[in-house]
Amino acid sequence: MAPAITTTTTTTLALTALLTLTTALPAPSLLPRQSNNNAPCFLPGSNPLPAEVSAIATTLASSITCSSTRTTLSGVPDVTSGSISFSSIDFSQAEGNGQSPLAFALETFATPEPLADADLQTFEDELDVYLATEAGVRSVGGALAIKVPKFFLQMQVSRIQTAQGNPPAAPGLQVDHLRDKVIKNAAGEDQALLDQVVALAAQLD
C-alpha cells in the first residue's frame, strides 16, 4: 500500500499546481475519493474547469472524501479533509443571518496571537475543503461567491507559514498577493471589513 499523503503535503501540492499553471462524517456515508470514471468525487458536473482548478482537483482527489448523503453549494457533495468537513465551515449558511462572505471568513478563520501558535494543519484542512468545493461548483457552472473566503483562507495559511519561519517562495502564494485577491473578489463589501484584511496582511508575527 502506498504511504499516506499528509494534509500539509496535499495542500502544498495543490497550491503549487495552481501556480505552475499561471466536522468529519461517519465512514459509511463517504464516497470513494475517486470515482470509476477517474473524476474526483467532488466534481458532480461536466463543465470544463480552468487549467489551474483542474490541476488542484487532481491533486486533492487522493485526500478528499465526499459524503454520499449530504450536499452543499450547487449540489456538490459535502467534502472532508482530515477532521474538517465543508458543511461545518460553509460561508453560505451565514448569509441567512445577514453575514457577508468576508465577514464570515474574518470571524471563522481568525488566527491567534502570536500568529506562530496557529494550528497550520487545521487551516490547511479548511483550505482544502474550500478548494475542492470551489472545483465542484465550477463543474456545474455555479456561482463563485466561495472565492472570497477561499482567498482569505489562502492568505491566512500564507501568514501562518511566514510566522512559523517557512514563508512560501512562490510569488502567487505571498501574503500581499493573496491580500489583493481577497480585496478584488470582495469588492463591494463594507470598507471596514476590507481594512481588516489589509491590517491582517501586515501582521506576520
N, C-alpha and C. Protein backbone atom coordinates (compact mmCIF):
# COMPACT_ATOMS: atom_id res chain seq x y z
N MET A 1 0.86 -1.20 0.00
CA MET A 1 0.00 0.00 0.00
C MET A 1 0.89 1.23 0.00
N ALA A 2 0.53 2.23 -0.84
CA ALA A 2 1.34 3.44 -0.90
C ALA A 2 1.25 4.20 0.40
N PRO A 3 2.30 4.90 0.81
CA PRO A 3 2.26 5.66 2.07
C PRO A 3 1.24 6.76 1.99
N ALA A 4 0.63 7.08 3.14
CA ALA A 4 -0.39 8.12 3.19
C ALA A 4 0.23 9.47 2.90
N ILE A 5 -0.57 10.34 2.27
CA ILE A 5 -0.12 11.68 1.98
C ILE A 5 -0.63 12.59 3.08
N THR A 6 0.22 13.33 3.72
CA THR A 6 -0.23 14.19 4.81
C THR A 6 -1.03 15.35 4.26
N THR A 7 -1.87 15.89 5.13
CA THR A 7 -2.68 17.02 4.73
C THR A 7 -1.81 18.20 4.32
N THR A 8 -0.75 18.44 5.08
CA THR A 8 0.13 19.55 4.75
C THR A 8 0.73 19.38 3.38
N THR A 9 1.20 18.16 3.06
CA THR A 9 1.78 17.89 1.76
C THR A 9 0.75 18.08 0.67
N THR A 10 -0.47 17.59 0.89
CA THR A 10 -1.53 17.71 -0.11
C THR A 10 -1.83 19.17 -0.41
N THR A 11 -1.95 19.98 0.63
CA THR A 11 -2.24 21.39 0.42
C THR A 11 -1.11 22.06 -0.33
N THR A 12 0.12 21.76 0.03
CA THR A 12 1.27 22.35 -0.65
C THR A 12 1.28 21.97 -2.11
N LEU A 13 1.01 20.69 -2.41
CA LEU A 13 0.97 20.23 -3.80
C LEU A 13 -0.14 20.91 -4.56
N ALA A 14 -1.30 21.06 -3.94
CA ALA A 14 -2.43 21.69 -4.61
C ALA A 14 -2.12 23.13 -4.97
N LEU A 15 -1.54 23.87 -4.04
CA LEU A 15 -1.24 25.27 -4.30
C LEU A 15 -0.09 25.42 -5.28
N THR A 16 0.86 24.49 -5.23
CA THR A 16 1.96 24.52 -6.19
C THR A 16 1.44 24.27 -7.59
N ALA A 17 0.49 23.35 -7.73
CA ALA A 17 -0.11 23.07 -9.04
C ALA A 17 -0.80 24.30 -9.58
N LEU A 18 -1.47 25.04 -8.73
CA LEU A 18 -2.15 26.27 -9.13
C LEU A 18 -1.16 27.26 -9.72
N LEU A 19 -0.01 27.41 -9.06
CA LEU A 19 0.97 28.39 -9.51
C LEU A 19 1.69 27.93 -10.75
N THR A 20 1.92 26.62 -10.86
CA THR A 20 2.64 26.11 -12.02
C THR A 20 1.85 26.40 -13.28
N LEU A 21 0.56 26.33 -13.21
CA LEU A 21 -0.29 26.56 -14.37
C LEU A 21 -0.69 28.03 -14.47
N THR A 22 -0.29 29.06 -14.03
CA THR A 22 -0.28 30.54 -14.16
C THR A 22 0.53 31.07 -13.09
N THR A 23 -18.16 18.59 10.75
CA THR A 23 -16.87 18.17 11.24
C THR A 23 -16.97 16.83 10.67
N ALA A 24 -15.98 15.80 10.57
CA ALA A 24 -15.97 14.69 9.65
C ALA A 24 -17.22 13.83 9.77
N LEU A 25 -17.65 13.27 8.61
CA LEU A 25 -18.84 12.41 8.60
C LEU A 25 -18.45 10.95 8.83
N PRO A 26 -19.39 10.09 9.30
CA PRO A 26 -19.09 8.68 9.53
C PRO A 26 -18.66 7.99 8.24
N ALA A 27 -17.80 7.01 8.37
CA ALA A 27 -17.26 6.32 7.20
C ALA A 27 -18.32 5.76 6.27
N PRO A 28 -19.42 5.16 6.76
CA PRO A 28 -20.41 4.59 5.83
C PRO A 28 -21.03 5.62 4.90
N SER A 29 -20.98 6.89 5.23
CA SER A 29 -21.60 7.90 4.40
C SER A 29 -20.63 8.54 3.42
N LEU A 30 -19.42 7.98 3.31
CA LEU A 30 -18.42 8.55 2.44
C LEU A 30 -18.32 7.81 1.12
N LEU A 31 -18.18 8.58 0.04
CA LEU A 31 -17.95 8.01 -1.27
C LEU A 31 -16.45 7.81 -1.47
N PRO A 32 -16.05 6.93 -2.40
CA PRO A 32 -14.63 6.80 -2.70
C PRO A 32 -14.05 8.14 -3.12
N ARG A 33 -12.77 8.32 -2.83
CA ARG A 33 -12.13 9.58 -3.18
C ARG A 33 -12.17 9.81 -4.68
N GLN A 34 -12.05 8.77 -5.46
CA GLN A 34 -12.05 8.90 -6.91
C GLN A 34 -13.07 7.92 -7.46
N SER A 35 -13.94 8.39 -8.36
CA SER A 35 -14.98 7.53 -8.91
C SER A 35 -14.41 6.67 -10.02
N ASN A 36 -15.25 5.75 -10.51
CA ASN A 36 -14.78 4.79 -11.50
C ASN A 36 -14.36 5.45 -12.81
N ASN A 37 -14.92 6.62 -13.11
CA ASN A 37 -14.54 7.30 -14.36
C ASN A 37 -13.35 8.23 -14.15
N ASN A 38 -12.68 8.07 -13.02
CA ASN A 38 -11.47 8.82 -12.69
C ASN A 38 -11.72 10.29 -12.38
N ALA A 39 -12.97 10.70 -12.27
CA ALA A 39 -13.28 12.07 -11.85
C ALA A 39 -13.32 12.10 -10.33
N PRO A 40 -12.70 13.08 -9.69
CA PRO A 40 -12.78 13.18 -8.23
C PRO A 40 -14.24 13.19 -7.78
N CYS A 41 -14.50 12.65 -6.61
CA CYS A 41 -15.87 12.52 -6.12
C CYS A 41 -16.54 13.86 -5.89
N PHE A 42 -15.76 14.93 -5.79
CA PHE A 42 -16.35 16.24 -5.53
C PHE A 42 -16.65 17.03 -6.80
N LEU A 43 -16.56 16.39 -7.96
CA LEU A 43 -16.89 17.05 -9.23
C LEU A 43 -18.16 16.42 -9.80
N PRO A 44 -19.34 16.90 -9.41
CA PRO A 44 -20.58 16.30 -9.89
C PRO A 44 -20.95 16.68 -11.31
N GLY A 45 -20.39 17.76 -11.82
CA GLY A 45 -20.75 18.23 -13.15
C GLY A 45 -19.69 17.92 -14.19
N SER A 46 -19.98 18.33 -15.42
CA SER A 46 -19.07 18.04 -16.53
C SER A 46 -18.56 19.30 -17.21
N ASN A 47 -18.85 20.47 -16.64
CA ASN A 47 -18.33 21.70 -17.24
C ASN A 47 -16.81 21.70 -17.18
N PRO A 48 -16.15 22.14 -18.26
CA PRO A 48 -14.68 22.19 -18.24
C PRO A 48 -14.19 23.16 -17.17
N LEU A 49 -13.12 22.78 -16.51
CA LEU A 49 -12.54 23.61 -15.45
C LEU A 49 -11.35 24.39 -15.99
N PRO A 50 -11.10 25.58 -15.44
CA PRO A 50 -9.85 26.27 -15.77
C PRO A 50 -8.67 25.35 -15.45
N ALA A 51 -7.60 25.48 -16.19
CA ALA A 51 -6.47 24.56 -16.05
C ALA A 51 -5.95 24.48 -14.63
N GLU A 52 -5.85 25.65 -13.96
CA GLU A 52 -5.29 25.63 -12.61
C GLU A 52 -6.24 24.94 -11.63
N VAL A 53 -7.55 25.11 -11.83
CA VAL A 53 -8.52 24.46 -10.95
C VAL A 53 -8.52 22.95 -11.19
N SER A 54 -8.41 22.56 -12.45
CA SER A 54 -8.34 21.13 -12.78
C SER A 54 -7.12 20.48 -12.13
N ALA A 55 -5.99 21.19 -12.13
CA ALA A 55 -4.77 20.65 -11.53
C ALA A 55 -4.95 20.48 -10.02
N ILE A 56 -5.58 21.45 -9.39
CA ILE A 56 -5.83 21.35 -7.95
C ILE A 56 -6.75 20.19 -7.65
N ALA A 57 -7.81 20.04 -8.46
CA ALA A 57 -8.76 18.94 -8.25
C ALA A 57 -8.07 17.59 -8.35
N THR A 58 -7.19 17.46 -9.32
CA THR A 58 -6.45 16.20 -9.48
C THR A 58 -5.58 15.92 -8.27
N THR A 59 -4.92 16.95 -7.76
CA THR A 59 -4.05 16.79 -6.59
C THR A 59 -4.84 16.42 -5.34
N LEU A 60 -6.01 17.04 -5.17
CA LEU A 60 -6.81 16.79 -3.97
C LEU A 60 -7.58 15.48 -4.02
N ALA A 61 -7.71 14.89 -5.21
CA ALA A 61 -8.55 13.70 -5.37
C ALA A 61 -8.15 12.56 -4.44
N SER A 62 -6.89 12.46 -4.10
CA SER A 62 -6.42 11.34 -3.28
C SER A 62 -6.61 11.56 -1.78
N SER A 63 -6.96 12.78 -1.39
CA SER A 63 -7.06 13.06 0.05
C SER A 63 -8.44 13.53 0.51
N ILE A 64 -9.28 13.93 -0.42
CA ILE A 64 -10.62 14.42 -0.09
C ILE A 64 -11.62 13.28 -0.15
N THR A 65 -12.50 13.18 0.86
CA THR A 65 -13.61 12.23 0.80
C THR A 65 -14.91 13.01 0.67
N CYS A 66 -15.93 12.35 0.13
CA CYS A 66 -17.21 13.00 -0.14
C CYS A 66 -18.35 12.26 0.54
N SER A 67 -19.29 13.00 1.06
CA SER A 67 -20.48 12.39 1.65
C SER A 67 -21.39 11.85 0.55
N SER A 68 -21.98 10.70 0.80
CA SER A 68 -22.95 10.13 -0.14
C SER A 68 -24.37 10.56 0.19
N THR A 69 -24.54 11.30 1.28
CA THR A 69 -25.89 11.65 1.74
C THR A 69 -26.12 13.15 1.87
N ARG A 70 -25.07 13.94 1.82
CA ARG A 70 -25.23 15.38 2.06
C ARG A 70 -24.54 16.18 0.98
N THR A 71 -25.22 17.23 0.51
CA THR A 71 -24.62 18.14 -0.46
C THR A 71 -24.57 19.54 0.14
N THR A 72 -23.75 20.39 -0.49
CA THR A 72 -23.62 21.77 -0.02
C THR A 72 -23.89 22.71 -1.19
N LEU A 73 -22.95 23.52 -1.57
CA LEU A 73 -23.17 24.52 -2.61
C LEU A 73 -23.42 23.88 -3.97
N SER A 74 -24.45 24.31 -4.65
CA SER A 74 -24.75 23.89 -6.02
C SER A 74 -24.81 22.38 -6.19
N GLY A 75 -25.18 21.67 -5.12
CA GLY A 75 -25.30 20.22 -5.21
C GLY A 75 -23.99 19.46 -5.12
N VAL A 76 -22.91 20.14 -4.76
CA VAL A 76 -21.61 19.48 -4.59
C VAL A 76 -21.65 18.65 -3.31
N PRO A 77 -21.17 17.40 -3.35
CA PRO A 77 -21.14 16.60 -2.12
C PRO A 77 -20.35 17.30 -1.02
N ASP A 78 -20.80 17.11 0.20
CA ASP A 78 -20.05 17.65 1.34
C ASP A 78 -18.70 16.95 1.39
N VAL A 79 -17.63 17.71 1.38
CA VAL A 79 -16.28 17.14 1.32
C VAL A 79 -15.59 17.26 2.67
N THR A 80 -14.67 16.33 2.91
CA THR A 80 -13.93 16.28 4.17
C THR A 80 -12.44 16.13 3.90
N SER A 81 -11.64 16.90 4.65
CA SER A 81 -10.19 16.76 4.65
C SER A 81 -9.74 16.70 6.09
N GLY A 82 -9.03 15.65 6.45
CA GLY A 82 -8.67 15.49 7.85
C GLY A 82 -9.92 15.37 8.69
N SER A 83 -10.08 16.25 9.66
CA SER A 83 -11.27 16.23 10.52
C SER A 83 -12.25 17.34 10.17
N ILE A 84 -12.02 18.04 9.05
CA ILE A 84 -12.84 19.19 8.68
C ILE A 84 -13.74 18.86 7.50
N SER A 85 -15.04 19.08 7.66
CA SER A 85 -16.00 18.97 6.56
C SER A 85 -16.43 20.37 6.13
N PHE A 86 -16.67 20.52 4.84
CA PHE A 86 -17.06 21.84 4.35
C PHE A 86 -18.33 22.33 5.02
N SER A 87 -19.28 21.42 5.26
CA SER A 87 -20.56 21.83 5.85
C SER A 87 -20.39 22.48 7.22
N SER A 88 -19.30 22.18 7.91
CA SER A 88 -19.08 22.76 9.24
C SER A 88 -18.52 24.17 9.18
N ILE A 89 -18.04 24.58 8.00
CA ILE A 89 -17.47 25.93 7.83
C ILE A 89 -18.00 26.57 6.55
N ASP A 90 -19.23 26.25 6.19
CA ASP A 90 -19.84 26.73 4.95
C ASP A 90 -20.28 28.19 5.11
N PHE A 91 -19.62 29.07 4.39
CA PHE A 91 -19.92 30.51 4.50
C PHE A 91 -21.36 30.83 4.12
N SER A 92 -21.95 30.03 3.23
CA SER A 92 -23.29 30.36 2.75
C SER A 92 -24.35 30.20 3.83
N GLN A 93 -24.05 29.41 4.86
CA GLN A 93 -25.01 29.21 5.94
C GLN A 93 -25.19 30.48 6.77
N ALA A 94 -24.21 31.37 6.71
CA ALA A 94 -24.30 32.61 7.50
C ALA A 94 -25.04 33.71 6.76
N GLU A 95 -25.28 33.51 5.46
CA GLU A 95 -25.93 34.55 4.68
C GLU A 95 -27.35 34.80 5.17
N GLY A 96 -27.99 33.76 5.70
CA GLY A 96 -29.34 33.93 6.22
C GLY A 96 -29.40 34.86 7.42
N ASN A 97 -28.26 35.02 8.08
CA ASN A 97 -28.17 35.94 9.23
C ASN A 97 -27.64 37.31 8.83
N GLY A 98 -27.54 37.51 7.52
CA GLY A 98 -27.07 38.80 7.03
C GLY A 98 -25.58 38.98 7.07
N GLN A 99 -24.83 37.88 7.24
CA GLN A 99 -23.37 37.98 7.30
C GLN A 99 -22.79 37.75 5.91
N SER A 100 -21.95 38.66 5.47
CA SER A 100 -21.35 38.55 4.15
C SER A 100 -20.25 37.49 4.14
N PRO A 101 -19.85 37.02 2.93
CA PRO A 101 -18.76 36.03 2.86
C PRO A 101 -17.48 36.50 3.55
N LEU A 102 -17.13 37.78 3.39
CA LEU A 102 -15.89 38.26 4.01
C LEU A 102 -16.03 38.38 5.51
N ALA A 103 -17.17 38.84 5.98
CA ALA A 103 -17.40 38.93 7.42
C ALA A 103 -17.33 37.54 8.05
N PHE A 104 -17.91 36.56 7.37
CA PHE A 104 -17.85 35.18 7.85
C PHE A 104 -16.41 34.70 7.92
N ALA A 105 -15.64 34.95 6.87
CA ALA A 105 -14.25 34.49 6.82
C ALA A 105 -13.43 35.12 7.93
N LEU A 106 -13.58 36.41 8.14
CA LEU A 106 -12.82 37.10 9.19
C LEU A 106 -13.13 36.54 10.57
N GLU A 107 -14.38 36.17 10.79
CA GLU A 107 -14.77 35.64 12.10
C GLU A 107 -14.38 34.17 12.26
N THR A 108 -14.64 33.37 11.22
CA THR A 108 -14.46 31.92 11.33
C THR A 108 -13.00 31.50 11.22
N PHE A 109 -12.25 32.19 10.40
CA PHE A 109 -10.87 31.79 10.14
C PHE A 109 -9.87 32.77 10.77
N ALA A 110 -10.22 33.25 11.95
CA ALA A 110 -9.33 34.15 12.69
C ALA A 110 -8.12 33.38 13.21
N THR A 111 -7.01 34.08 13.33
CA THR A 111 -5.77 33.48 13.83
C THR A 111 -5.49 33.98 15.24
N PRO A 112 -4.74 33.18 16.02
CA PRO A 112 -4.41 33.59 17.40
C PRO A 112 -3.24 34.55 17.42
N GLU A 113 -2.97 35.07 18.59
CA GLU A 113 -1.75 35.85 18.82
C GLU A 113 -0.96 35.17 19.92
N PRO A 114 0.31 34.88 19.70
CA PRO A 114 1.06 35.17 18.48
C PRO A 114 0.63 34.26 17.32
N LEU A 115 0.80 34.77 16.12
CA LEU A 115 0.38 34.07 14.91
C LEU A 115 1.05 32.71 14.76
N ALA A 116 2.29 32.60 15.21
CA ALA A 116 3.03 31.34 15.07
C ALA A 116 2.39 30.20 15.85
N ASP A 117 1.49 30.51 16.79
CA ASP A 117 0.83 29.47 17.57
C ASP A 117 -0.36 28.85 16.84
N ALA A 118 -0.70 29.37 15.67
CA ALA A 118 -1.84 28.86 14.93
C ALA A 118 -1.61 27.41 14.51
N ASP A 119 -2.68 26.64 14.45
CA ASP A 119 -2.62 25.24 14.02
C ASP A 119 -2.67 25.20 12.50
N LEU A 120 -1.50 25.13 11.87
CA LEU A 120 -1.41 25.17 10.41
C LEU A 120 -2.20 24.04 9.77
N GLN A 121 -2.15 22.85 10.36
CA GLN A 121 -2.86 21.70 9.79
C GLN A 121 -4.35 21.98 9.66
N THR A 122 -4.94 22.56 10.69
CA THR A 122 -6.37 22.86 10.65
C THR A 122 -6.69 23.85 9.54
N PHE A 123 -5.90 24.90 9.44
CA PHE A 123 -6.14 25.89 8.39
C PHE A 123 -5.97 25.27 7.00
N GLU A 124 -5.02 24.36 6.85
CA GLU A 124 -4.83 23.72 5.55
C GLU A 124 -5.97 22.77 5.23
N ASP A 125 -6.50 22.07 6.24
CA ASP A 125 -7.68 21.24 6.02
C ASP A 125 -8.86 22.10 5.57
N GLU A 126 -9.03 23.22 6.24
CA GLU A 126 -10.12 24.13 5.88
C GLU A 126 -9.96 24.64 4.45
N LEU A 127 -8.74 24.98 4.09
CA LEU A 127 -8.48 25.45 2.73
C LEU A 127 -8.75 24.34 1.72
N ASP A 128 -8.33 23.12 2.02
CA ASP A 128 -8.54 22.02 1.07
C ASP A 128 -10.01 21.79 0.78
N VAL A 129 -10.88 21.84 1.80
CA VAL A 129 -12.30 21.61 1.52
C VAL A 129 -12.89 22.77 0.74
N TYR A 130 -12.37 23.96 0.92
CA TYR A 130 -12.83 25.09 0.11
C TYR A 130 -12.35 24.96 -1.33
N LEU A 131 -11.11 24.54 -1.53
CA LEU A 131 -10.60 24.35 -2.89
C LEU A 131 -11.38 23.27 -3.62
N ALA A 132 -11.67 22.16 -2.93
CA ALA A 132 -12.41 21.07 -3.55
C ALA A 132 -13.84 21.49 -3.88
N THR A 133 -14.47 22.20 -2.96
CA THR A 133 -15.85 22.63 -3.19
C THR A 133 -15.92 23.65 -4.32
N GLU A 134 -14.96 24.55 -4.38
CA GLU A 134 -14.94 25.51 -5.49
C GLU A 134 -14.85 24.78 -6.83
N ALA A 135 -13.98 23.76 -6.90
CA ALA A 135 -13.87 22.99 -8.14
C ALA A 135 -15.20 22.34 -8.48
N GLY A 136 -15.87 21.79 -7.47
CA GLY A 136 -17.16 21.16 -7.70
C GLY A 136 -18.20 22.15 -8.20
N VAL A 137 -18.23 23.33 -7.61
CA VAL A 137 -19.17 24.37 -8.03
C VAL A 137 -18.90 24.77 -9.48
N ARG A 138 -17.64 24.91 -9.82
CA ARG A 138 -17.29 25.25 -11.20
C ARG A 138 -17.72 24.16 -12.16
N SER A 139 -17.66 22.91 -11.73
CA SER A 139 -18.01 21.80 -12.63
C SER A 139 -19.48 21.80 -13.01
N VAL A 140 -20.32 22.46 -12.21
CA VAL A 140 -21.75 22.55 -12.53
C VAL A 140 -22.15 23.97 -12.94
N GLY A 141 -21.18 24.85 -13.09
CA GLY A 141 -21.48 26.21 -13.52
C GLY A 141 -22.14 27.07 -12.47
N GLY A 142 -21.86 26.79 -11.19
CA GLY A 142 -22.49 27.53 -10.10
C GLY A 142 -21.84 28.88 -9.84
N ALA A 143 -22.48 29.65 -8.97
CA ALA A 143 -21.96 30.97 -8.58
C ALA A 143 -20.69 30.81 -7.75
N LEU A 144 -19.81 31.81 -7.83
CA LEU A 144 -18.48 31.67 -7.23
C LEU A 144 -18.22 32.64 -6.08
N ALA A 145 -19.24 32.88 -5.26
CA ALA A 145 -19.03 33.69 -4.06
C ALA A 145 -18.02 33.02 -3.12
N ILE A 146 -17.80 31.73 -3.29
CA ILE A 146 -16.85 30.98 -2.46
C ILE A 146 -15.43 31.52 -2.60
N LYS A 147 -15.14 32.24 -3.67
CA LYS A 147 -13.77 32.71 -3.89
C LYS A 147 -13.31 33.67 -2.80
N VAL A 148 -14.22 34.42 -2.21
CA VAL A 148 -13.82 35.38 -1.16
C VAL A 148 -13.25 34.65 0.06
N PRO A 149 -14.01 33.73 0.69
CA PRO A 149 -13.42 33.02 1.83
C PRO A 149 -12.27 32.11 1.43
N LYS A 150 -12.28 31.59 0.20
CA LYS A 150 -11.16 30.74 -0.22
C LYS A 150 -9.86 31.53 -0.26
N PHE A 151 -9.88 32.69 -0.91
CA PHE A 151 -8.66 33.50 -0.97
C PHE A 151 -8.25 33.99 0.42
N PHE A 152 -9.23 34.27 1.27
CA PHE A 152 -8.90 34.68 2.63
C PHE A 152 -8.18 33.55 3.36
N LEU A 153 -8.67 32.33 3.20
CA LEU A 153 -8.01 31.18 3.82
C LEU A 153 -6.59 31.00 3.28
N GLN A 154 -6.42 31.18 1.98
CA GLN A 154 -5.08 31.08 1.41
C GLN A 154 -4.16 32.12 2.03
N MET A 155 -4.68 33.32 2.23
CA MET A 155 -3.87 34.37 2.86
C MET A 155 -3.52 34.00 4.29
N GLN A 156 -4.47 33.44 5.02
CA GLN A 156 -4.20 33.05 6.40
C GLN A 156 -3.15 31.94 6.47
N VAL A 157 -3.24 30.97 5.58
CA VAL A 157 -2.23 29.90 5.53
C VAL A 157 -0.85 30.50 5.26
N SER A 158 -0.78 31.43 4.32
CA SER A 158 0.50 32.06 4.00
C SER A 158 1.03 32.86 5.19
N ARG A 159 0.16 33.56 5.90
CA ARG A 159 0.58 34.31 7.09
C ARG A 159 1.15 33.37 8.15
N ILE A 160 0.46 32.26 8.38
CA ILE A 160 0.91 31.31 9.40
C ILE A 160 2.26 30.71 9.02
N GLN A 161 2.38 30.30 7.75
CA GLN A 161 3.65 29.73 7.30
C GLN A 161 4.79 30.73 7.48
N THR A 162 4.52 31.99 7.17
CA THR A 162 5.53 33.03 7.32
C THR A 162 5.91 33.21 8.79
N ALA A 163 4.91 33.26 9.65
CA ALA A 163 5.17 33.44 11.09
C ALA A 163 5.92 32.26 11.68
N GLN A 164 5.72 31.08 11.11
CA GLN A 164 6.38 29.88 11.63
C GLN A 164 7.74 29.64 10.99
N GLY A 165 8.20 30.60 10.20
CA GLY A 165 9.54 30.52 9.63
C GLY A 165 9.64 29.79 8.32
N ASN A 166 8.51 29.52 7.68
CA ASN A 166 8.51 28.83 6.39
C ASN A 166 7.68 29.60 5.36
N PRO A 167 8.08 30.82 5.04
CA PRO A 167 7.28 31.62 4.10
C PRO A 167 7.25 30.98 2.72
N PRO A 168 6.11 31.03 2.04
CA PRO A 168 6.04 30.47 0.69
C PRO A 168 7.01 31.19 -0.24
N ALA A 169 7.65 30.44 -1.11
CA ALA A 169 8.62 31.04 -2.03
C ALA A 169 7.95 31.56 -3.29
N ALA A 170 6.88 30.92 -3.71
CA ALA A 170 6.22 31.30 -4.96
C ALA A 170 5.54 32.66 -4.83
N PRO A 171 5.71 33.53 -5.81
CA PRO A 171 5.09 34.87 -5.74
C PRO A 171 3.58 34.82 -5.55
N GLY A 172 2.92 33.87 -6.18
CA GLY A 172 1.47 33.78 -6.09
C GLY A 172 0.95 33.35 -4.74
N LEU A 173 1.84 32.91 -3.87
CA LEU A 173 1.43 32.50 -2.53
C LEU A 173 1.87 33.49 -1.46
N GLN A 174 2.43 34.62 -1.89
CA GLN A 174 2.84 35.64 -0.93
C GLN A 174 1.62 36.30 -0.31
N VAL A 175 1.76 36.71 0.92
CA VAL A 175 0.64 37.31 1.65
C VAL A 175 0.07 38.52 0.91
N ASP A 176 0.93 39.40 0.43
CA ASP A 176 0.44 40.61 -0.23
C ASP A 176 -0.37 40.29 -1.48
N HIS A 177 0.09 39.30 -2.24
CA HIS A 177 -0.63 38.90 -3.46
C HIS A 177 -2.01 38.37 -3.10
N LEU A 178 -2.08 37.53 -2.08
CA LEU A 178 -3.36 36.95 -1.67
C LEU A 178 -4.26 38.00 -1.04
N ARG A 179 -3.68 38.95 -0.32
CA ARG A 179 -4.46 40.09 0.20
C ARG A 179 -5.18 40.79 -0.94
N ASP A 180 -4.45 41.04 -2.03
CA ASP A 180 -5.04 41.73 -3.17
C ASP A 180 -6.14 40.89 -3.82
N LYS A 181 -5.98 39.57 -3.81
CA LYS A 181 -7.01 38.68 -4.35
C LYS A 181 -8.29 38.79 -3.52
N VAL A 182 -8.13 38.82 -2.22
CA VAL A 182 -9.29 38.96 -1.34
C VAL A 182 -10.00 40.28 -1.62
N ILE A 183 -9.24 41.37 -1.65
CA ILE A 183 -9.81 42.69 -1.85
C ILE A 183 -10.53 42.77 -3.19
N LYS A 184 -9.93 42.22 -4.23
CA LYS A 184 -10.53 42.26 -5.57
C LYS A 184 -11.85 41.50 -5.60
N ASN A 185 -11.87 40.31 -5.04
CA ASN A 185 -13.07 39.48 -5.10
C ASN A 185 -14.14 39.93 -4.11
N ALA A 186 -13.73 40.70 -3.10
CA ALA A 186 -14.69 41.19 -2.10
C ALA A 186 -15.10 42.63 -2.38
N ALA A 187 -14.84 43.11 -3.58
CA ALA A 187 -15.22 44.47 -3.93
C ALA A 187 -16.72 44.66 -3.66
N GLY A 188 -17.05 45.75 -3.01
CA GLY A 188 -18.45 45.99 -2.67
C GLY A 188 -18.78 45.65 -1.23
N GLU A 189 -17.88 44.92 -0.56
CA GLU A 189 -18.09 44.63 0.86
C GLU A 189 -17.80 45.90 1.67
N ASP A 190 -18.22 45.88 2.92
CA ASP A 190 -18.02 47.03 3.80
C ASP A 190 -16.54 47.38 3.89
N GLN A 191 -16.23 48.67 3.79
CA GLN A 191 -14.83 49.10 3.81
C GLN A 191 -14.13 48.71 5.11
N ALA A 192 -14.85 48.69 6.20
CA ALA A 192 -14.23 48.31 7.48
C ALA A 192 -13.73 46.87 7.43
N LEU A 193 -14.44 46.01 6.72
CA LEU A 193 -14.00 44.62 6.58
C LEU A 193 -12.76 44.53 5.70
N LEU A 194 -12.75 45.30 4.62
CA LEU A 194 -11.58 45.31 3.74
C LEU A 194 -10.36 45.85 4.49
N ASP A 195 -10.58 46.84 5.34
CA ASP A 195 -9.47 47.39 6.13
C ASP A 195 -8.91 46.33 7.08
N GLN A 196 -9.76 45.47 7.60
CA GLN A 196 -9.29 44.39 8.47
C GLN A 196 -8.38 43.43 7.72
N VAL A 197 -8.73 43.15 6.47
CA VAL A 197 -7.89 42.27 5.65
C VAL A 197 -6.51 42.89 5.45
N VAL A 198 -6.49 44.17 5.12
CA VAL A 198 -5.22 44.87 4.91
C VAL A 198 -4.38 44.85 6.19
N ALA A 199 -5.03 45.06 7.32
CA ALA A 199 -4.30 45.06 8.60
C ALA A 199 -3.73 43.68 8.91
N LEU A 200 -4.51 42.64 8.66
CA LEU A 200 -4.04 41.28 8.92
C LEU A 200 -2.83 40.95 8.06
N ALA A 201 -2.87 41.38 6.80
CA ALA A 201 -1.77 41.08 5.89
C ALA A 201 -0.46 41.69 6.35
N ALA A 202 -0.54 42.73 7.16
CA ALA A 202 0.67 43.38 7.67
C ALA A 202 1.15 42.78 8.98
N GLN A 203 0.36 41.89 9.56
CA GLN A 203 0.71 41.25 10.84
C GLN A 203 1.23 39.84 10.57
N LEU A 204 2.52 39.68 10.60
CA LEU A 204 3.14 38.41 10.23
C LEU A 204 3.95 37.80 11.36
N ASP A 205 3.65 38.20 12.60
CA ASP A 205 4.36 37.59 13.72
C ASP A 205 3.43 37.49 14.92
